[in-house]
Protein backbone atom coordinates (compact mmCIF):
# COMPACT_ATOMS: atom_id res chain seq x y z
CA MET A 1 3.41 17.77 -8.36
CA SER A 2 5.85 16.56 -10.90
CA GLY A 3 6.07 13.51 -13.12
CA THR A 4 8.12 11.37 -15.08
CA LEU A 5 6.82 10.47 -18.35
CA SER A 6 7.13 12.56 -21.44
CA PRO A 7 4.02 13.42 -23.48
CA ALA A 8 3.02 10.90 -26.10
CA THR A 9 0.74 13.28 -27.90
CA PRO A 10 0.86 17.05 -27.85
CA PRO A 11 -1.60 18.56 -25.24
CA THR A 12 -5.09 19.53 -26.50
CA SER A 13 -6.73 22.73 -26.14
CA PRO A 14 -8.61 23.66 -24.00
CA ARG A 15 -7.03 21.70 -21.26
CA ARG A 16 -8.69 18.58 -19.80
CA THR A 17 -8.84 18.27 -16.28
CA VAL A 18 -9.12 14.78 -14.26
CA ALA A 19 -9.58 14.22 -10.48
CA LEU A 20 -8.31 10.91 -9.10
CA VAL A 21 -10.21 9.84 -6.13
CA THR A 22 -8.29 6.73 -4.63
CA LEU A 23 -9.92 4.20 -2.05
CA GLY A 24 -8.31 1.05 -0.38
CA CYS A 25 -4.83 0.20 0.33
CA ALA A 26 -1.49 1.60 -0.49
CA ARG A 27 -1.21 -0.65 -3.39
CA ASN A 28 -4.08 1.50 -4.96
CA ASP A 29 -2.28 4.65 -4.15
CA VAL A 30 0.43 3.53 -6.45
CA ASP A 31 -1.77 2.48 -9.09
CA SER A 32 -3.45 6.00 -9.01
CA GLU A 33 -0.12 7.59 -9.25
CA GLU A 34 0.86 5.59 -12.37
CA LEU A 35 -2.58 6.57 -14.02
CA ALA A 36 -1.67 10.20 -12.84
CA GLY A 37 1.74 9.99 -14.69
CA ARG A 38 0.09 8.68 -17.82
CA LEU A 39 -2.37 11.37 -17.96
CA ALA A 40 -0.19 14.10 -16.94
CA ALA A 41 2.25 13.10 -19.75
CA ASP A 42 -0.60 13.14 -22.33
CA GLY A 43 -1.53 16.76 -21.44
CA TRP A 44 -4.24 16.29 -18.64
CA ASP A 45 -4.31 18.71 -15.76
CA LEU A 46 -4.67 16.97 -12.28
CA VAL A 47 -7.01 18.49 -9.82
CA GLU A 48 -7.72 17.55 -6.36
CA ASP A 49 -11.66 18.38 -6.25
CA PRO A 50 -13.76 16.11 -8.33
CA ASN A 51 -16.42 18.88 -8.61
CA GLY A 52 -13.77 20.94 -10.50
CA ALA A 53 -12.81 18.29 -12.98
CA ASP A 54 -14.10 17.14 -16.38
CA ILE A 55 -13.80 13.65 -15.37
CA ALA A 56 -13.62 12.00 -11.95
CA VAL A 57 -11.80 8.85 -11.99
CA VAL A 58 -12.65 6.74 -8.79
CA ASN A 59 -9.95 3.92 -7.89
CA THR A 60 -12.11 1.61 -6.11
CA CYS A 61 -11.56 -1.26 -3.58
CA GLY A 62 -12.99 -4.58 -3.97
CA PHE A 63 -11.56 -6.44 -1.03
CA VAL A 64 -14.31 -6.93 1.47
CA GLU A 65 -18.06 -5.77 1.73
CA ALA A 66 -17.17 -2.47 3.75
CA ALA A 67 -14.83 -1.43 1.14
CA LYS A 68 -16.92 -2.22 -1.70
CA LYS A 69 -19.89 -0.33 -0.19
CA ASP A 70 -17.40 2.75 0.41
CA SER A 71 -16.38 2.42 -3.26
CA ILE A 72 -20.16 2.25 -4.53
CA ASP A 73 -21.16 5.14 -2.10
CA THR A 74 -18.17 7.12 -3.66
CA LEU A 75 -19.19 6.51 -7.32
CA ILE A 76 -22.65 7.52 -6.45
CA ALA A 77 -21.93 10.70 -4.75
CA ALA A 78 -19.71 11.63 -7.76
CA ALA A 79 -22.45 10.72 -10.07
CA ASP A 80 -24.86 12.90 -8.22
CA ALA A 81 -22.53 15.73 -8.45
CA LYS A 82 -22.32 15.25 -12.18
CA ALA A 83 -26.05 15.07 -12.36
CA GLU A 84 -26.24 18.50 -10.61
CA ASN A 85 -23.67 19.99 -12.42
CA THR A 86 -24.41 23.69 -12.98
CA GLY A 87 -21.84 26.17 -13.98
CA GLY A 88 -19.04 23.74 -13.64
CA SER A 89 -20.04 22.74 -9.98
CA GLY A 90 -19.43 18.95 -10.77
CA PRO A 91 -17.63 16.53 -13.01
CA LYS A 92 -18.76 16.00 -16.55
CA ALA A 93 -18.14 12.36 -16.44
CA VAL A 94 -17.64 9.73 -13.71
CA VAL A 95 -15.35 6.77 -14.29
CA ALA A 96 -14.82 3.59 -12.36
CA VAL A 97 -11.40 1.89 -12.17
CA GLY A 98 -9.46 -0.44 -9.64
CA CYS A 99 -10.36 -3.68 -7.99
CA LEU A 100 -14.18 -3.19 -7.88
CA ALA A 101 -14.25 -2.48 -11.46
CA GLU A 102 -11.71 -5.09 -12.38
CA ARG A 103 -13.52 -7.84 -10.49
CA TYR A 104 -17.10 -7.22 -11.30
CA GLY A 105 -16.83 -5.04 -14.65
CA GLN A 106 -20.15 -5.28 -16.54
CA GLN A 107 -22.00 -6.17 -13.46
CA LEU A 108 -21.02 -3.01 -11.69
CA ALA A 109 -21.76 -0.99 -14.93
CA GLU A 110 -25.41 -2.42 -14.63
CA ALA A 111 -25.76 -1.71 -11.12
CA LEU A 112 -24.44 1.89 -11.45
CA PRO A 113 -25.83 3.29 -14.98
CA GLU A 114 -24.91 6.60 -13.54
CA ALA A 115 -21.22 5.98 -14.11
CA ASP A 116 -20.13 6.86 -17.75
CA ALA A 117 -17.47 3.92 -17.71
CA VAL A 118 -16.20 0.82 -15.93
CA LEU A 119 -12.65 0.27 -16.91
CA GLY A 120 -10.40 -2.80 -16.06
CA PHE A 121 -6.65 -2.93 -15.52
CA ASP A 122 -6.33 -3.73 -19.24
CA ASP A 123 -7.33 -0.07 -19.99
CA TYR A 124 -4.69 1.56 -17.69
CA GLN A 125 -1.97 1.80 -20.40
CA ASP A 126 -4.35 3.61 -22.72
CA ILE A 127 -6.13 5.53 -20.07
CA SER A 128 -5.69 8.86 -21.69
CA SER A 129 -7.40 7.87 -25.00
CA ARG A 130 -10.14 6.13 -22.93
CA LEU A 131 -11.11 9.35 -20.89
CA THR A 132 -10.94 11.47 -24.09
CA ALA A 133 -13.42 9.29 -25.65
CA ILE A 134 -15.49 9.53 -22.82
CA LEU A 135 -15.33 13.25 -22.66
CA HIS A 136 -16.59 13.18 -26.39
CA GLY A 137 -19.76 11.34 -25.48
CA GLU A 138 -18.63 7.93 -26.20
CA ARG A 139 -19.85 5.00 -23.80
CA PRO A 140 -17.20 2.31 -23.99
CA VAL A 141 -17.99 -1.39 -23.61
CA SER A 142 -17.75 -2.18 -19.86
CA HIS A 143 -14.90 -4.27 -18.73
CA VAL A 144 -15.58 -8.20 -18.88
CA PRO A 145 -13.91 -9.71 -15.64
CA ARG A 146 -11.68 -12.83 -16.13
CA ASP A 147 -9.53 -14.77 -14.02
CA ARG A 148 -6.09 -13.10 -14.37
CA ARG A 149 -4.45 -15.97 -12.85
CA THR A 150 -4.66 -17.61 -16.12
CA LEU A 151 -2.87 -14.71 -18.02
CA LEU A 152 0.59 -16.03 -16.74
CA PRO A 153 2.17 -19.43 -16.48
CA LEU A 154 1.64 -21.81 -13.70
CA SER A 155 5.29 -21.88 -13.04
CA PRO A 156 6.84 -18.85 -11.43
CA VAL A 157 9.97 -18.85 -13.10
CA ASP A 158 8.37 -18.77 -16.59
CA ARG A 159 6.26 -15.50 -15.91
CA GLN A 160 8.92 -13.05 -16.54
CA SER A 161 9.53 -13.84 -20.11
CA ALA A 162 5.81 -14.19 -20.68
CA LYS A 163 4.57 -10.94 -18.86
CA GLY A 164 4.38 -8.95 -22.15
CA GLY A 165 1.11 -7.81 -23.06
CA VAL A 166 -0.29 -8.64 -19.58
CA ALA A 167 -1.38 -5.46 -17.76
CA VAL A 168 0.13 -5.18 -14.23
CA PRO A 169 -1.01 -2.02 -12.57
CA GLY A 170 1.68 -0.03 -10.55
CA HIS A 171 4.57 -1.67 -12.27
CA GLY A 172 5.16 1.57 -14.10
CA ASP A 173 6.36 0.07 -17.27
CA ALA A 174 9.23 2.28 -18.36
CA THR A 175 9.56 4.00 -21.45
CA ASP A 176 12.80 5.28 -23.41
CA ALA A 177 13.19 9.15 -23.59
CA THR A 178 14.46 8.85 -27.26
CA ASP A 179 10.83 8.18 -28.50
CA VAL A 180 9.46 11.44 -26.83
CA SER A 181 10.10 14.97 -26.24
CA GLU A 182 11.63 16.36 -23.20
CA THR A 183 9.40 18.78 -20.84
CA SER A 184 10.77 20.40 -17.81
CA ASP A 185 7.81 19.66 -15.43
CA ALA A 186 6.90 16.25 -16.75
CA VAL A 187 10.20 14.37 -17.01
CA GLU A 188 12.85 13.24 -14.47
CA THR A 189 16.05 11.33 -15.86
CA ALA A 190 17.18 8.22 -13.80
CA ASP A 191 20.62 8.81 -12.42
CA SER A 192 23.10 7.37 -14.98
CA GLN A 193 25.81 7.04 -12.41
CA ALA A 194 23.60 5.21 -10.11
CA ALA A 195 22.48 2.86 -13.13
CA ALA A 196 26.19 2.22 -13.77
CA GLU A 197 26.83 1.10 -10.39
CA ARG A 198 23.80 -1.40 -10.26
CA PRO A 199 24.56 -4.98 -10.34
CA ASP A 200 24.27 -6.26 -13.99
CA ASP A 201 23.16 -9.93 -13.32
CA PRO A 202 20.67 -10.38 -16.12
CA THR A 203 18.68 -12.94 -14.10
CA LEU A 204 18.33 -10.44 -11.02
CA SER A 205 18.97 -6.99 -11.80
CA PRO A 206 19.68 -6.01 -15.57
CA VAL A 207 20.80 -2.53 -16.00
CA ALA A 208 18.61 -0.13 -17.44
CA PRO A 209 19.39 2.54 -19.87
CA PRO A 210 20.01 5.92 -18.19
CA THR A 211 17.26 7.33 -20.30
CA ARG A 212 14.71 5.08 -18.57
CA ARG A 213 11.44 6.89 -17.36
CA VAL A 214 9.35 6.15 -14.15
CA VAL A 215 5.71 6.38 -15.19
CA ARG A 216 4.25 7.92 -12.27
CA ARG A 217 3.28 11.33 -10.72
CA ARG A 218 2.94 12.05 -7.12
CA LEU A 219 -0.71 12.95 -5.77
CA ASP A 220 0.57 14.46 -2.70
CA ASP A 221 3.65 15.92 -1.09
CA GLY A 222 4.13 13.87 2.10
CA PRO A 223 7.27 12.64 3.31
CA SER A 224 6.20 9.07 2.98
CA ALA A 225 5.31 7.08 -0.11
CA PRO A 226 4.49 3.49 -1.28
CA LEU A 227 6.67 1.65 -3.72
CA LYS A 228 5.53 -1.72 -5.18
CA LEU A 229 7.64 -4.82 -5.02
CA ALA A 230 5.26 -7.10 -6.75
CA SER A 231 1.65 -7.56 -7.76
CA GLY A 232 -0.81 -10.73 -7.43
CA CYS A 233 -0.56 -13.78 -5.40
CA ASP A 234 0.05 -17.47 -5.56
CA ARG A 235 -1.37 -18.23 -1.98
CA ARG A 236 -4.90 -20.09 -2.02
CA CYS A 237 -6.29 -18.71 1.22
CA SER A 238 -9.99 -20.04 1.10
CA PHE A 239 -11.55 -16.58 2.13
CA CYS A 240 -9.60 -14.27 -0.38
CA ALA A 241 -10.61 -13.31 -3.93
CA ILE A 242 -7.49 -11.05 -4.70
CA PRO A 243 -5.56 -13.69 -6.88
CA ALA A 244 -8.41 -14.05 -9.29
CA PHE A 245 -8.66 -10.21 -9.96
CA ARG A 246 -4.94 -9.25 -9.29
CA GLY A 247 -3.37 -12.25 -10.90
CA SER A 248 -0.71 -14.62 -10.23
CA TYR A 249 2.58 -13.35 -8.14
CA LEU A 250 4.87 -11.21 -10.53
CA SER A 251 7.77 -9.55 -9.03
CA ARG A 252 9.20 -6.18 -10.27
CA ARG A 253 12.69 -6.37 -11.57
CA PRO A 254 15.17 -4.79 -9.08
CA HIS A 255 16.29 -2.21 -11.35
CA ASP A 256 12.85 -0.93 -11.92
CA ILE A 257 12.35 -0.69 -8.24
CA LEU A 258 15.58 1.01 -7.60
CA ASP A 259 14.88 3.59 -10.37
CA GLU A 260 11.45 4.67 -8.94
CA ALA A 261 12.97 4.74 -5.23
CA ARG A 262 15.70 7.23 -6.73
CA TRP A 263 12.96 9.32 -8.26
CA LEU A 264 10.60 9.17 -5.23
CA ALA A 265 13.83 10.38 -3.09
CA GLY A 266 14.17 13.06 -5.68
CA GLN A 267 10.70 14.20 -4.98
CA GLY A 268 11.49 14.55 -1.33
CA VAL A 269 10.14 11.39 0.04
CA ARG A 270 12.26 10.25 3.10
CA GLU A 271 10.22 7.16 3.85
CA LEU A 272 9.74 4.29 1.39
CA VAL A 273 6.86 1.57 2.21
CA LEU A 274 7.29 -1.38 0.22
CA VAL A 275 3.88 -2.88 -0.76
CA SER A 276 2.62 -5.98 -2.62
CA GLU A 277 0.21 -8.67 -1.84
CA ASN A 278 3.01 -10.82 -0.26
CA SER A 279 6.36 -9.18 0.26
CA THR A 280 8.04 -12.37 1.65
CA SER A 281 7.65 -14.00 -1.95
CA TYR A 282 9.45 -11.32 -3.66
CA GLY A 283 12.04 -12.89 -6.08
CA LYS A 284 10.25 -16.34 -6.41
CA ASP A 285 9.83 -15.65 -10.11
CA LEU A 286 13.35 -14.19 -10.62
CA GLY A 287 14.99 -17.40 -9.55
CA ASP A 288 15.94 -16.13 -6.15
CA LEU A 289 13.56 -16.28 -3.12
CA LYS A 290 16.08 -14.44 -0.95
CA LEU A 291 16.28 -11.55 -3.44
CA LEU A 292 14.64 -9.04 -0.86
CA GLU A 293 17.47 -9.87 1.46
CA THR A 294 19.88 -8.30 -1.26
CA LEU A 295 17.43 -5.42 -2.29
CA LEU A 296 16.75 -3.92 1.10
CA PRO A 297 20.29 -2.75 1.76
CA GLU A 298 20.34 -1.30 -1.85
CA LEU A 299 17.33 0.72 -1.24
CA ALA A 300 18.37 1.94 2.18
CA ALA A 301 21.52 3.13 0.79
CA ILE A 302 19.72 5.60 -1.66
CA ASP A 303 20.82 9.03 -1.01
CA GLY A 304 17.58 10.88 0.80
CA VAL A 305 15.94 7.92 1.94
CA ASP A 306 15.98 7.58 5.89
CA TRP A 307 13.35 4.96 6.45
CA LEU A 308 12.50 1.94 4.49
CA ARG A 309 9.20 -0.01 5.72
CA VAL A 310 8.22 -3.45 4.43
CA SER A 311 4.59 -4.49 4.56
CA TYR A 312 2.42 -7.52 3.98
CA LEU A 313 4.71 -10.17 5.39
CA GLN A 314 3.58 -13.83 5.37
CA PRO A 315 4.55 -15.30 8.79
CA ALA A 316 4.98 -18.94 7.42
CA GLU A 317 7.32 -17.34 4.95
CA MET A 318 9.51 -15.28 7.46
CA ARG A 319 13.13 -16.74 6.83
CA PRO A 320 15.89 -16.32 9.39
CA THR A 321 17.84 -14.29 6.85
CA LEU A 322 14.96 -11.95 6.06
CA ILE A 323 14.61 -11.14 9.90
CA ASP A 324 18.40 -10.60 10.11
CA VAL A 325 18.50 -8.34 7.28
CA MET A 326 15.45 -6.26 8.46
CA SER A 327 17.01 -6.12 11.89
CA SER A 328 20.44 -5.15 11.03
CA THR A 329 20.36 -2.87 7.92
CA GLU A 330 20.56 0.58 8.89
CA GLY A 331 17.62 2.50 7.54
CA VAL A 332 15.27 -0.49 7.52
CA VAL A 333 12.89 0.45 10.33
CA PRO A 334 11.96 -1.99 13.20
CA TYR A 335 8.34 -2.98 11.86
CA PHE A 336 6.92 -6.14 11.11
CA ASP A 337 3.42 -6.16 9.30
CA LEU A 338 2.59 -9.93 9.71
CA SER A 339 -0.52 -11.24 8.16
CA PHE A 340 -1.49 -13.81 10.98
CA GLN A 341 -5.37 -13.79 10.32
CA HIS A 342 -5.99 -16.16 13.15
CA SER A 343 -4.05 -18.37 15.64
CA ALA A 344 -6.12 -21.65 15.99
CA PRO A 345 -4.20 -24.23 14.10
CA GLY A 346 -7.30 -26.17 12.92
CA LEU A 347 -9.07 -22.96 11.77
CA LEU A 348 -5.90 -21.91 9.89
CA ARG A 349 -5.93 -24.88 7.99
CA ARG A 350 -9.52 -24.34 6.87
CA MET A 351 -8.34 -20.87 5.76
CA ARG A 352 -5.57 -22.80 3.69
CA ARG A 353 -3.00 -21.13 5.98
CA PHE A 354 -0.15 -22.36 8.23
CA GLY A 355 0.84 -21.80 11.58
CA GLY A 356 -0.78 -21.17 15.02
CA THR A 357 -0.48 -19.72 18.41
CA GLU A 358 2.92 -21.62 19.39
CA SER A 359 4.74 -20.95 16.02
CA PHE A 360 3.55 -17.38 15.91
CA LEU A 361 4.77 -16.46 19.45
CA GLU A 362 8.07 -18.14 18.60
CA LEU A 363 8.39 -15.90 15.47
CA LEU A 364 7.51 -12.83 17.84
CA GLU A 365 10.24 -13.88 20.20
CA THR A 366 12.82 -14.40 17.54
CA ILE A 367 12.01 -10.81 16.19
CA ARG A 368 12.12 -9.08 19.53
CA THR A 369 15.32 -10.86 20.71
CA ARG A 370 17.00 -9.05 17.57
CA VAL A 371 14.88 -5.85 17.90
CA PRO A 372 13.28 -5.45 21.54
CA ASN A 373 11.28 -2.34 20.67
CA ALA A 374 10.15 -3.64 17.21
CA GLY A 375 6.66 -2.64 16.24
CA VAL A 376 4.15 -5.32 15.19
CA ARG A 377 0.66 -5.11 13.51
CA SER A 378 -1.52 -7.85 12.20
CA ASN A 379 -5.08 -8.38 10.95
CA PHE A 380 -7.55 -11.08 12.01
CA ILE A 381 -10.76 -12.56 10.76
CA VAL A 382 -13.58 -13.37 13.28
CA GLY A 383 -16.52 -15.70 12.62
CA PHE A 384 -14.81 -17.68 9.87
CA PRO A 385 -17.19 -20.77 8.94
CA GLY A 386 -16.32 -23.45 11.61
CA GLU A 387 -14.78 -21.22 14.23
CA THR A 388 -15.69 -22.74 17.46
CA ALA A 389 -15.87 -21.05 20.81
CA ALA A 390 -12.41 -22.75 21.65
CA ASP A 391 -10.94 -21.29 18.30
CA PHE A 392 -12.19 -17.90 19.52
CA GLU A 393 -10.54 -18.18 22.89
CA GLU A 394 -7.32 -19.53 21.62
CA LEU A 395 -7.31 -16.28 19.53
CA GLU A 396 -7.86 -14.28 22.73
CA THR A 397 -5.33 -15.98 24.37
CA PHE A 398 -2.74 -15.28 21.46
CA LEU A 399 -3.47 -11.60 21.37
CA SER A 400 -3.08 -11.26 25.15
CA GLN A 401 0.47 -12.73 24.79
CA ALA A 402 1.60 -11.34 21.47
CA ARG A 403 2.00 -7.69 22.77
CA LEU A 404 1.10 -6.46 19.21
CA ASP A 405 1.14 -2.45 18.45
CA ALA A 406 -1.61 -2.54 16.11
CA ILE A 407 -4.57 -4.87 15.52
CA GLY A 408 -7.20 -4.91 12.72
CA VAL A 409 -10.29 -7.14 13.57
CA PHE A 410 -12.67 -8.01 10.55
CA GLY A 411 -15.95 -10.07 10.41
CA TYR A 412 -16.14 -12.87 8.08
CA SER A 413 -18.08 -12.42 5.06
CA ASP A 414 -18.49 -14.50 1.78
CA GLU A 415 -16.67 -13.43 -1.12
CA ASP A 416 -17.68 -14.32 -4.48
CA GLY A 417 -15.62 -17.19 -6.23
CA THR A 418 -13.69 -18.28 -2.89
CA GLU A 419 -13.70 -21.78 -1.39
CA ALA A 420 -14.94 -20.58 1.92
CA ALA A 421 -18.34 -19.27 0.18
CA GLY A 422 -19.23 -22.82 -0.31
CA TYR A 423 -18.57 -24.06 3.30
CA ASP A 424 -21.62 -25.35 5.03
CA ASP A 425 -20.84 -24.38 8.70
CA LYS A 426 -21.39 -20.64 8.64
CA LEU A 427 -21.82 -18.62 11.81
CA ASP A 428 -24.92 -16.49 12.31
CA GLU A 429 -24.35 -12.95 11.47
CA ASP A 430 -25.19 -11.75 14.96
CA GLU A 431 -22.85 -13.96 16.27
CA ILE A 432 -20.04 -12.82 14.05
CA ALA A 433 -21.08 -9.40 15.13
CA GLU A 434 -20.82 -10.09 18.55
CA ARG A 435 -17.47 -11.62 18.48
CA VAL A 436 -16.12 -8.68 16.33
CA THR A 437 -17.28 -6.34 18.90
CA HIS A 438 -15.65 -8.39 21.72
CA LEU A 439 -12.52 -8.82 20.00
CA THR A 440 -12.33 -5.22 19.10
CA GLY A 441 -12.67 -4.11 22.52
CA LEU A 442 -9.76 -6.61 23.66
CA ALA A 443 -7.59 -5.41 20.90
CA GLU A 444 -8.08 -1.58 21.80
CA GLU A 445 -7.20 -2.43 25.39
CA LEU A 446 -4.07 -4.42 24.41
CA THR A 447 -2.82 -1.97 22.16
CA ALA A 448 -3.49 0.86 24.44
CA GLN A 449 -1.37 -0.79 27.04
CA ARG A 450 1.37 -1.56 24.55
CA ALA A 451 1.40 2.20 23.62
CA GLU A 452 1.56 2.87 27.53
CA ASP A 453 4.53 0.62 27.83
CA ARG A 454 6.40 2.93 25.58
CA VAL A 455 6.24 5.83 27.68
CA GLY A 456 9.78 6.68 28.55
CA GLU A 457 11.34 5.47 25.30
CA ARG A 458 13.58 7.29 23.14
CA ILE A 459 12.19 7.32 19.58
CA ASP A 460 12.53 8.98 16.15
CA VAL A 461 9.64 10.74 14.78
CA LEU A 462 8.82 11.52 11.06
CA VAL A 463 7.09 14.71 11.19
CA GLU A 464 4.09 14.83 8.79
CA SER A 465 2.38 17.91 9.71
CA VAL A 466 2.78 21.02 12.11
CA ALA A 467 0.01 23.05 13.55
CA HIS A 468 0.03 26.72 14.02
CA ASP A 469 0.59 26.21 17.82
CA GLY A 470 3.96 24.48 16.98
CA VAL A 471 2.56 20.89 17.68
CA ALA A 472 3.79 18.43 15.19
CA GLU A 473 2.09 15.12 14.36
CA GLY A 474 3.91 12.28 12.92
CA ARG A 475 4.91 8.60 13.51
CA ALA A 476 7.56 6.63 15.10
CA ALA A 477 9.60 4.02 13.13
CA PHE A 478 7.46 1.26 14.64
CA GLN A 479 4.32 2.99 13.29
CA GLY A 480 3.06 2.42 9.57
CA PRO A 481 1.31 5.18 7.77
CA GLU A 482 -2.49 6.01 8.62
CA VAL A 483 -3.33 2.57 10.26
CA ASP A 484 -1.06 2.25 13.47
CA GLY A 485 -1.54 5.39 15.27
CA SER A 486 0.57 8.44 15.38
CA VAL A 487 2.83 10.73 17.61
CA MET A 488 2.04 14.21 18.99
CA LEU A 489 5.14 15.93 19.25
CA VAL A 490 5.91 19.15 20.95
CA PRO A 491 9.41 21.19 21.15
CA ALA A 492 11.60 20.49 24.29
CA LEU A 493 10.10 21.98 27.49
CA GLU A 494 13.10 22.58 29.54
CA PRO A 495 14.55 26.11 29.65
CA GLY A 496 17.71 26.52 27.81
CA THR A 497 17.28 23.20 25.62
CA PRO A 498 18.36 24.08 22.20
CA ALA A 499 15.44 24.11 19.87
CA VAL A 500 14.52 21.29 17.57
CA GLU A 501 13.06 22.41 14.36
CA LEU A 502 9.61 20.74 13.67
CA VAL A 503 8.95 20.78 9.92
CA PRO A 504 7.40 18.17 7.67
CA GLY A 505 9.81 15.54 6.51
CA ALA A 506 12.12 16.03 9.57
CA ILE A 507 13.02 13.02 11.59
CA VAL A 508 13.17 14.07 15.18
CA PRO A 509 14.63 12.46 18.16
CA ALA A 510 12.02 12.46 20.92
CA LYS A 511 10.98 10.91 24.37
CA VAL A 512 7.59 9.55 24.84
CA VAL A 513 5.93 11.26 27.91
CA GLY A 514 2.37 9.92 27.53
CA SER A 515 -0.22 7.87 25.45
CA GLU A 516 -3.70 7.85 24.42
CA GLY A 517 -5.05 4.80 22.91
CA VAL A 518 -2.71 3.64 20.21
CA ASP A 519 -1.20 7.31 19.91
CA LEU A 520 1.63 8.62 21.44
CA HIS A 521 2.67 12.02 23.17
CA ALA A 522 6.38 12.93 22.87
CA VAL A 523 8.69 15.84 23.63
CA ALA A 524 11.35 16.64 21.05
CA ILE A 525 14.95 16.49 22.30
CA THR A 526 18.36 17.21 20.86
CA PRO A 527 20.65 14.28 19.78
CA LEU A 528 23.16 15.38 22.47
CA SER A 529 20.60 14.61 25.15
CA LEU A 530 20.51 11.07 23.78
CA VAL A 531 23.86 10.48 25.29
CA GLY A 532 23.71 8.52 28.63
């Protein structure tokens, strides 16, 4: 692992160790790597096993009930290991951070007295001193939740000038190297030539000094890495609490994104996955709602970046110009992560969302006209208050026609502080569970058929691991990390065919020869065999 922030204070002796356990989405992964960068810069040793660390920091997820339970179970397990600590077999302290900690703060601390601290986003920039104090036996006051939408102006265009002092995890506030010492393992200098070539429009892409530091340290060595476009959300979906604890929408400046992308490429990353709560809104607070269309080609042109993937797209905000850029820019993979949530128009309005079966199918047709083999994934909420049998049937009909590659199905549950939690026409829990089971079965059948339809396709596969028997596992361009299935890849079988080296990080041309559920089986081929 290597990082990009110089130590603010000299390392202490003996060395302090910390393990970061990350739960939830890719946005949390970025947040953890920012925390790792800050801690490594201040002399902490990062270890993988919480049982071998002085402190176990659990980056929690607070999105839905299942995620909350997973976070609490993980904290309890770490606390149990701490209580049983004999001879260094468990952490000395357990700290909760992340969305669950930010959302519930003191309430979480009271429910889990075994945790040594519950820290909110405002503690991230000073995380090293917080953890040091905890190791010295201090028990800091638990985070007090607040509606983070109130921290920035209501008008998006006023937010950039007012964001100073507002903690925004994963934005990696840069530091200037003139204030800190140089250490070979903890510092990476942004490419000054690349910086000089960036556009210098101060409203869109101000030129950063060549000594800018990226505040991040990778926690794995895989060929793919998430990269934050923005944080927060301005949408008011009636079922979602995210804006309250993640705050209003705030875009990262293009030069910060480009600097971090170049650094990631220098770390061996070949695929950048752009993440946010809503990527289609990128640039709205920078004065240019089409800024993503400008940024994508710049990111795709970075030396070492072969694949660029855009996640978290709102169907109602999919502009023709964005579809054009995503479809035509070399290096931007044919992948559309569209947040449909449902397809019955009336129910979508109750969700405070837009669109419906007809407009969604038209959008998919537009995409596939441009990119016939595009991958499309989406998530759907079942059992939302007021969902009728007719609404549910319409969703089934939509899925049967949409030909999606990956489908997530979630049963509705009340979320604290949301509008839908106050709705009267709730469905019985057994009815929700029955609909989830039914739709999950349909989704599995449809996505398996979609995978089977790809048999015979020529694809590119990003190799992620290789077994001792030479069989590789990776993903096609239309498959997102971790959630969309994978490709089992074997070398060419024909005698006399030139060998294709299967190593992690390689992007290998292949032919799909079979499928199993959403997963594909493929045979590596040489580029020459693609001719004809």
